[in-house]
């Protein structure tokens, strides 16, 4: 009598496991695709709705944003820069979704970079919400950004220090909103055009 019971239990647990795999995996993949759509529509509040209150976003070896307000500043800046993300090679393992990412935005285009690529991004979920994102850029993208930082952003920052744009900062910290990010883009474009004219 024990063997049939054991077989029934094994069949039950295998069926339960298959059910979990078939229901959870597509659900998290769909959540990630919905996040991509929210990001690309530049809807900051909708983007935030995918994250837990205590979530953090880690750009490995670069910076960390924590909590909804930290993420709000990040996503507000992304929206103002017309950021567009493309997720590929999506894989689900338990509560973690891993994918490769291509990022395009107006700032990158302005300084001559078509896109930034991420070797991988991990999205860790808890109760359907993202509690942590960890992203790692490819070496090629890191080198491209470092080159632009040295040749463009550092001299631009030196120039900007000699100007007075008090409306763009508060106690030395930049106010992150659509208007101010757009203003910085405009100033950078003017500075680049001015330098191009001087070089001719």
C-alpha atoms as a PDB file:
ATOM      1  CA  UNK A   1       0.000   0.000   0.000  1.00  0.00           C
ATOM      2  CA  UNK A   2       2.905   2.355   0.657  1.00  0.00           C
ATOM      3  CA  UNK A   3       4.242   2.283  -2.907  1.00  0.00           C
ATOM      4  CA  UNK A   4       1.062   3.628  -4.534  1.00  0.00           C
ATOM      5  CA  UNK A   5       0.883   6.386  -1.882  1.00  0.00           C
ATOM      6  CA  UNK A   6       4.532   7.293  -2.467  1.00  0.00           C
ATOM      7  CA  UNK A   7       3.982   7.320  -6.222  1.00  0.00           C
ATOM      8  CA  UNK A   8       0.923   9.521  -5.774  1.00  0.00           C
ATOM      9  CA  UNK A   9       2.922  11.954  -3.635  1.00  0.00           C
ATOM     10  CA  UNK A  10       5.755  12.062  -6.163  1.00  0.00           C
ATOM     11  CA  UNK A  11       3.319  12.685  -9.010  1.00  0.00           C
ATOM     12  CA  UNK A  12       1.593  15.406  -6.956  1.00  0.00           C
ATOM     13  CA  UNK A  13       4.852  17.240  -6.171  1.00  0.00           C
ATOM     14  CA  UNK A  14       6.106  16.941  -9.745  1.00  0.00           C
ATOM     15  CA  UNK A  15       2.818  18.343 -11.025  1.00  0.00           C
ATOM     16  CA  UNK A  16       2.994  21.157  -8.470  1.00  0.00           C
ATOM     17  CA  UNK A  17       6.576  21.960  -9.491  1.00  0.00           C
ATOM     18  CA  UNK A  18       5.669  22.024 -13.192  1.00  0.00           C
ATOM     19  CA  UNK A  19       2.746  24.296 -12.389  1.00  0.00           C
ATOM     20  CA  UNK A  20       5.028  26.694 -10.535  1.00  0.00           C
ATOM     21  CA  UNK A  21       7.512  26.768 -13.410  1.00  0.00           C
ATOM     22  CA  UNK A  22       4.811  27.303 -16.017  1.00  0.00           C
ATOM     23  CA  UNK A  23       3.048  30.089 -14.077  1.00  0.00           C
ATOM     24  CA  UNK A  24       5.919  31.995 -12.419  1.00  0.00           C
ATOM     25  CA  UNK A  25       8.486  32.101 -15.212  1.00  0.00           C
ATOM     26  CA  UNK A  26       6.335  33.731 -17.911  1.00  0.00           C
ATOM     27  CA  UNK A  27       4.843  36.069 -15.290  1.00  0.00           C
ATOM     28  CA  UNK A  28       8.215  37.555 -14.337  1.00  0.00           C
ATOM     29  CA  UNK A  29       9.287  37.751 -17.976  1.00  0.00           C
ATOM     30  CA  UNK A  30       6.052  39.590 -18.748  1.00  0.00           C
ATOM     31  CA  UNK A  31       6.679  41.937 -15.802  1.00  0.00           C
ATOM     32  CA  UNK A  32      10.103  42.779 -17.209  1.00  0.00           C
ATOM     33  CA  UNK A  33       8.666  43.466 -20.660  1.00  0.00           C
ATOM     34  CA  UNK A  34       6.010  45.693 -19.066  1.00  0.00           C
ATOM     35  CA  UNK A  35       8.793  47.539 -17.194  1.00  0.00           C
ATOM     36  CA  UNK A  36      10.618  48.114 -20.484  1.00  0.00           C
ATOM     37  CA  UNK A  37       7.425  49.530 -21.999  1.00  0.00           C
ATOM     38  CA  UNK A  38       6.860  51.833 -18.993  1.00  0.00           C
ATOM     39  CA  UNK A  39      10.454  53.083 -19.149  1.00  0.00           C
ATOM     40  CA  UNK A  40      10.281  53.737 -22.882  1.00  0.00           C
ATOM     41  CA  UNK A  41       6.977  55.601 -22.544  1.00  0.00           C
ATOM     42  CA  UNK A  42       8.753  57.942 -20.066  1.00  0.00           C
ATOM     43  CA  UNK A  43       6.016  57.435 -17.473  1.00  0.00           C
ATOM     44  CA  UNK A  44       7.986  57.927 -14.242  1.00  0.00           C
ATOM     45  CA  UNK A  45       5.163  56.910 -11.885  1.00  0.00           C
ATOM     46  CA  UNK A  46       4.364  53.781 -13.854  1.00  0.00           C
ATOM     47  CA  UNK A  47       8.063  52.920 -13.930  1.00  0.00           C
ATOM     48  CA  UNK A  48       8.251  53.329 -10.141  1.00  0.00           C
ATOM     49  CA  UNK A  49       5.201  51.097  -9.656  1.00  0.00           C
ATOM     50  CA  UNK A  50       7.323  48.060 -10.569  1.00  0.00           C
ATOM     51  CA  UNK A  51       9.657  48.664  -7.584  1.00  0.00           C
ATOM     52  CA  UNK A  52       9.297  48.012  -3.846  1.00  0.00           C
ATOM     53  CA  UNK A  53       9.562  51.006  -1.485  1.00  0.00           C
ATOM     54  CA  UNK A  54      12.975  49.835  -0.255  1.00  0.00           C
ATOM     55  CA  UNK A  55      14.303  48.873  -3.694  1.00  0.00           C
ATOM     56  CA  UNK A  56      17.801  49.749  -4.810  1.00  0.00           C
ATOM     57  CA  UNK A  57      19.423  50.123  -8.206  1.00  0.00           C
ATOM     58  CA  UNK A  58      23.125  49.262  -8.392  1.00  0.00           C
ATOM     59  CA  UNK A  59      25.251  50.289 -11.348  1.00  0.00           C
ATOM     60  CA  UNK A  60      28.147  48.015 -10.420  1.00  0.00           C
ATOM     61  CA  UNK A  61      31.380  49.924  -9.675  1.00  0.00           C
ATOM     62  CA  UNK A  62      29.687  53.251 -10.421  1.00  0.00           C
ATOM     63  CA  UNK A  63      26.727  54.241  -8.216  1.00  0.00           C
ATOM     64  CA  UNK A  64      23.787  53.078  -6.096  1.00  0.00           C
ATOM     65  CA  UNK A  65      20.290  54.600  -5.929  1.00  0.00           C
ATOM     66  CA  UNK A  66      18.132  53.542  -2.964  1.00  0.00           C
ATOM     67  CA  UNK A  67      14.458  53.919  -2.124  1.00  0.00           C
ATOM     68  CA  UNK A  68      11.625  55.352  -4.191  1.00  0.00           C
ATOM     69  CA  UNK A  69      12.994  58.915  -4.124  1.00  0.00           C
ATOM     70  CA  UNK A  70      16.428  57.859  -5.350  1.00  0.00           C
ATOM     71  CA  UNK A  71      14.779  55.878  -8.133  1.00  0.00           C
ATOM     72  CA  UNK A  72      12.415  58.749  -8.912  1.00  0.00           C
ATOM     73  CA  UNK A  73      15.379  61.064  -9.592  1.00  0.00           C
ATOM     74  CA  UNK A  74      16.979  58.419 -11.812  1.00  0.00           C
ATOM     75  CA  UNK A  75      13.811  57.741 -13.812  1.00  0.00           C
ATOM     76  CA  UNK A  76      12.975  61.454 -14.088  1.00  0.00           C
ATOM     77  CA  UNK A  77      16.402  62.066 -15.579  1.00  0.00           C
ATOM     78  CA  UNK A  78      15.974  59.080 -17.921  1.00  0.00           C
ATOM     79  CA  UNK A  79      12.601  60.387 -19.100  1.00  0.00           C
ATOM     80  CA  UNK A  80      14.000  63.868 -19.752  1.00  0.00           C
ATOM     81  CA  UNK A  81      16.868  62.340 -21.745  1.00  0.00           C
ATOM     82  CA  UNK A  82      14.404  60.364 -23.887  1.00  0.00           C
ATOM     83  CA  UNK A  83      15.964  57.110 -22.683  1.00  0.00           C
ATOM     84  CA  UNK A  84      15.074  53.925 -24.548  1.00  0.00           C
ATOM     85  CA  UNK A  85      15.901  50.431 -23.249  1.00  0.00           C
ATOM     86  CA  UNK A  86      15.906  47.150 -25.152  1.00  0.00           C
ATOM     87  CA  UNK A  87      15.986  43.922 -23.108  1.00  0.00           C
ATOM     88  CA  UNK A  88      17.282  40.765 -24.804  1.00  0.00           C
ATOM     89  CA  UNK A  89      18.332  37.230 -23.783  1.00  0.00           C
ATOM     90  CA  UNK A  90      15.807  37.252 -20.930  1.00  0.00           C
ATOM     91  CA  UNK A  91      16.227  34.354 -18.500  1.00  0.00           C
ATOM     92  CA  UNK A  92      14.232  33.606 -15.334  1.00  0.00           C
ATOM     93  CA  UNK A  93      15.691  31.726 -12.362  1.00  0.00           C
ATOM     94  CA  UNK A  94      13.402  31.663  -9.352  1.00  0.00           C
ATOM     95  CA  UNK A  95      12.770  35.280  -8.300  1.00  0.00           C
ATOM     96  CA  UNK A  96      15.577  36.691 -10.480  1.00  0.00           C
ATOM     97  CA  UNK A  97      15.328  37.816 -14.093  1.00  0.00           C
ATOM     98  CA  UNK A  98      18.568  38.319 -16.019  1.00  0.00           C
ATOM     99  CA  UNK A  99      18.918  39.982 -19.390  1.00  0.00           C
ATOM    100  CA  UNK A 100      21.213  41.995 -21.618  1.00  0.00           C
ATOM    101  CA  UNK A 101      20.363  45.665 -22.131  1.00  0.00           C
ATOM    102  CA  UNK A 102      20.866  48.240 -24.853  1.00  0.00           C
ATOM    103  CA  UNK A 103      20.381  51.853 -23.744  1.00  0.00           C
ATOM    104  CA  UNK A 104      19.923  54.816 -26.062  1.00  0.00           C
ATOM    105  CA  UNK A 105      19.226  58.436 -25.102  1.00  0.00           C
ATOM    106  CA  UNK A 106      19.584  62.003 -26.368  1.00  0.00           C
ATOM    107  CA  UNK A 107      22.664  62.726 -24.255  1.00  0.00           C
ATOM    108  CA  UNK A 108      24.565  59.766 -25.666  1.00  0.00           C
ATOM    109  CA  UNK A 109      23.636  60.779 -29.214  1.00  0.00           C
ATOM    110  CA  UNK A 110      24.736  64.351 -28.539  1.00  0.00           C
ATOM    111  CA  UNK A 111      28.248  63.205 -27.578  1.00  0.00           C
ATOM    112  CA  UNK A 112      28.549  60.699 -30.421  1.00  0.00           C
ATOM    113  CA  UNK A 113      27.638  57.416 -28.691  1.00  0.00           C
ATOM    114  CA  UNK A 114      24.898  55.442 -30.452  1.00  0.00           C
ATOM    115  CA  UNK A 115      24.142  53.222 -27.466  1.00  0.00           C
ATOM    116  CA  UNK A 116      25.463  51.831 -24.195  1.00  0.00           C
ATOM    117  CA  UNK A 117      25.403  48.058 -23.752  1.00  0.00           C
ATOM    118  CA  UNK A 118      25.118  46.113 -20.513  1.00  0.00           C
ATOM    119  CA  UNK A 119      26.761  42.729 -20.166  1.00  0.00           C
ATOM    120  CA  UNK A 120      23.858  41.814 -17.909  1.00  0.00           C
ATOM    121  CA  UNK A 121      21.210  43.241 -15.628  1.00  0.00           C
ATOM    122  CA  UNK A 122      19.706  41.312 -12.703  1.00  0.00           C
ATOM    123  CA  UNK A 123      16.185  42.133 -11.536  1.00  0.00           C
ATOM    124  CA  UNK A 124      15.383  40.503  -8.186  1.00  0.00           C
ATOM    125  CA  UNK A 125      11.665  40.274  -7.386  1.00  0.00           C
ATOM    126  CA  UNK A 126       9.788  39.928  -4.107  1.00  0.00           C
ATOM    127  CA  UNK A 127       5.999  39.579  -4.114  1.00  0.00           C
ATOM    128  CA  UNK A 128       5.874  40.746  -7.721  1.00  0.00           C
ATOM    129  CA  UNK A 129       7.944  43.909  -7.131  1.00  0.00           C
ATOM    130  CA  UNK A 130      11.606  44.550  -7.900  1.00  0.00           C
ATOM    131  CA  UNK A 131      13.693  44.843  -4.736  1.00  0.00           C
ATOM    132  CA  UNK A 132      17.066  45.137  -6.455  1.00  0.00           C
ATOM    133  CA  UNK A 133      18.487  45.822  -9.898  1.00  0.00           C
ATOM    134  CA  UNK A 134      22.171  45.225 -10.610  1.00  0.00           C
ATOM    135  CA  UNK A 135      23.615  46.269 -13.948  1.00  0.00           C
ATOM    136  CA  UNK A 136      27.088  45.792 -15.442  1.00  0.00           C
ATOM    137  CA  UNK A 137      28.217  47.638 -18.572  1.00  0.00           C
ATOM    138  CA  UNK A 138      30.287  45.942 -21.238  1.00  0.00           C
ATOM    139  CA  UNK A 139      33.975  46.856 -21.275  1.00  0.00           C
ATOM    140  CA  UNK A 140      33.549  48.580 -24.647  1.00  0.00           C
ATOM    141  CA  UNK A 141      30.791  50.789 -23.273  1.00  0.00           C
ATOM    142  CA  UNK A 142      32.822  51.625 -20.167  1.00  0.00           C
ATOM    143  CA  UNK A 143      35.753  52.709 -22.338  1.00  0.00           C
ATOM    144  CA  UNK A 144      33.475  54.789 -24.598  1.00  0.00           C
ATOM    145  CA  UNK A 145      31.983  56.584 -21.584  1.00  0.00           C
ATOM    146  CA  UNK A 146      35.426  57.203 -20.054  1.00  0.00           C
ATOM    147  CA  UNK A 147      36.643  58.730 -23.339  1.00  0.00           C
ATOM    148  CA  UNK A 148      33.612  61.036 -23.516  1.00  0.00           C
ATOM    149  CA  UNK A 149      34.016  61.991 -19.843  1.00  0.00           C
ATOM    150  CA  UNK A 150      37.617  63.035 -20.464  1.00  0.00           C
ATOM    151  CA  UNK A 151      37.128  64.778 -23.799  1.00  0.00           C
ATOM    152  CA  UNK A 152      33.669  66.296 -23.340  1.00  0.00           C
ATOM    153  CA  UNK A 153      32.141  66.280 -19.862  1.00  0.00           C
ATOM    154  CA  UNK A 154      35.179  67.411 -17.846  1.00  0.00           C
ATOM    155  CA  UNK A 155      35.869  70.491 -20.019  1.00  0.00           C
ATOM    156  CA  UNK A 156      32.124  71.190 -20.184  1.00  0.00           C
ATOM    157  CA  UNK A 157      31.925  71.135 -16.381  1.00  0.00           C
ATOM    158  CA  UNK A 158      34.864  73.515 -16.169  1.00  0.00           C
ATOM    159  CA  UNK A 159      33.064  75.886 -18.520  1.00  0.00           C
ATOM    160  CA  UNK A 160      29.769  75.578 -16.660  1.00  0.00           C
ATOM    161  CA  UNK A 161      31.449  76.506 -13.357  1.00  0.00           C
ATOM    162  CA  UNK A 162      32.239  79.921 -14.823  1.00  0.00           C
ATOM    163  CA  UNK A 163      28.559  80.499 -15.643  1.00  0.00           C
ATOM    164  CA  UNK A 164      25.703  81.325 -13.312  1.00  0.00           C
ATOM    165  CA  UNK A 165      22.783  78.951 -13.527  1.00  0.00           C
ATOM    166  CA  UNK A 166      21.464  79.135  -9.997  1.00  0.00           C
ATOM    167  CA  UNK A 167      18.059  77.833 -11.060  1.00  0.00           C
ATOM    168  CA  UNK A 168      19.686  74.501 -11.934  1.00  0.00           C
ATOM    169  CA  UNK A 169      21.040  73.730  -8.487  1.00  0.00           C
ATOM    170  CA  UNK A 170      20.100  73.803  -4.827  1.00  0.00           C
ATOM    171  CA  UNK A 171      22.921  74.011  -2.257  1.00  0.00           C
ATOM    172  CA  UNK A 172      25.342  72.523  -4.761  1.00  0.00           C
ATOM    173  CA  UNK A 173      23.026  69.645  -5.688  1.00  0.00           C
ATOM    174  CA  UNK A 174      21.349  69.597  -9.066  1.00  0.00           C
ATOM    175  CA  UNK A 175      17.575  69.657  -8.983  1.00  0.00           C
ATOM    176  CA  UNK A 176      16.403  66.703 -11.045  1.00  0.00           C
ATOM    177  CA  UNK A 177      13.375  67.612 -13.123  1.00  0.00           C
ATOM    178  CA  UNK A 178      12.491  67.565 -16.800  1.00  0.00           C
ATOM    179  CA  UNK A 179      13.096  71.290 -17.274  1.00  0.00           C
ATOM    180  CA  UNK A 180      16.561  71.305 -15.699  1.00  0.00           C
ATOM    181  CA  UNK A 181      17.775  68.159 -17.457  1.00  0.00           C
ATOM    182  CA  UNK A 182      16.536  69.643 -20.739  1.00  0.00           C
ATOM    183  CA  UNK A 183      18.390  72.870 -19.915  1.00  0.00           C
ATOM    184  CA  UNK A 184      21.641  70.967 -19.329  1.00  0.00           C
ATOM    185  CA  UNK A 185      21.202  69.212 -22.668  1.00  0.00           C
ATOM    186  CA  UNK A 186      20.646  72.554 -24.388  1.00  0.00           C
ATOM    187  CA  UNK A 187      23.726  74.069 -22.720  1.00  0.00           C
ATOM    188  CA  UNK A 188      25.860  71.076 -23.686  1.00  0.00           C
ATOM    189  CA  UNK A 189      24.687  71.303 -27.296  1.00  0.00           C
ATOM    190  CA  UNK A 190      25.481  75.037 -27.391  1.00  0.00           C
ATOM    191  CA  UNK A 191      28.918  74.415 -25.878  1.00  0.00           C
ATOM    192  CA  UNK A 192      29.687  71.636 -28.385  1.00  0.00           C
ATOM    193  CA  UNK A 193      28.574  73.816 -31.311  1.00  0.00           C
ATOM    194  CA  UNK A 194      30.668  76.723 -29.980  1.00  0.00           C
ATOM    195  CA  UNK A 195      33.752  74.487 -29.780  1.00  0.00           C
ATOM    196  CA  UNK A 196      33.118  73.156 -33.289  1.00  0.00           C
ATOM    197  CA  UNK A 197      33.005  76.710 -34.626  1.00  0.00           C
ATOM    198  CA  UNK A 198      36.262  77.599 -32.862  1.00  0.00           C
ATOM    199  CA  UNK A 199      37.983  74.503 -34.235  1.00  0.00           C
ATOM    200  CA  UNK A 200      37.142  75.415 -37.851  1.00  0.00           C
END
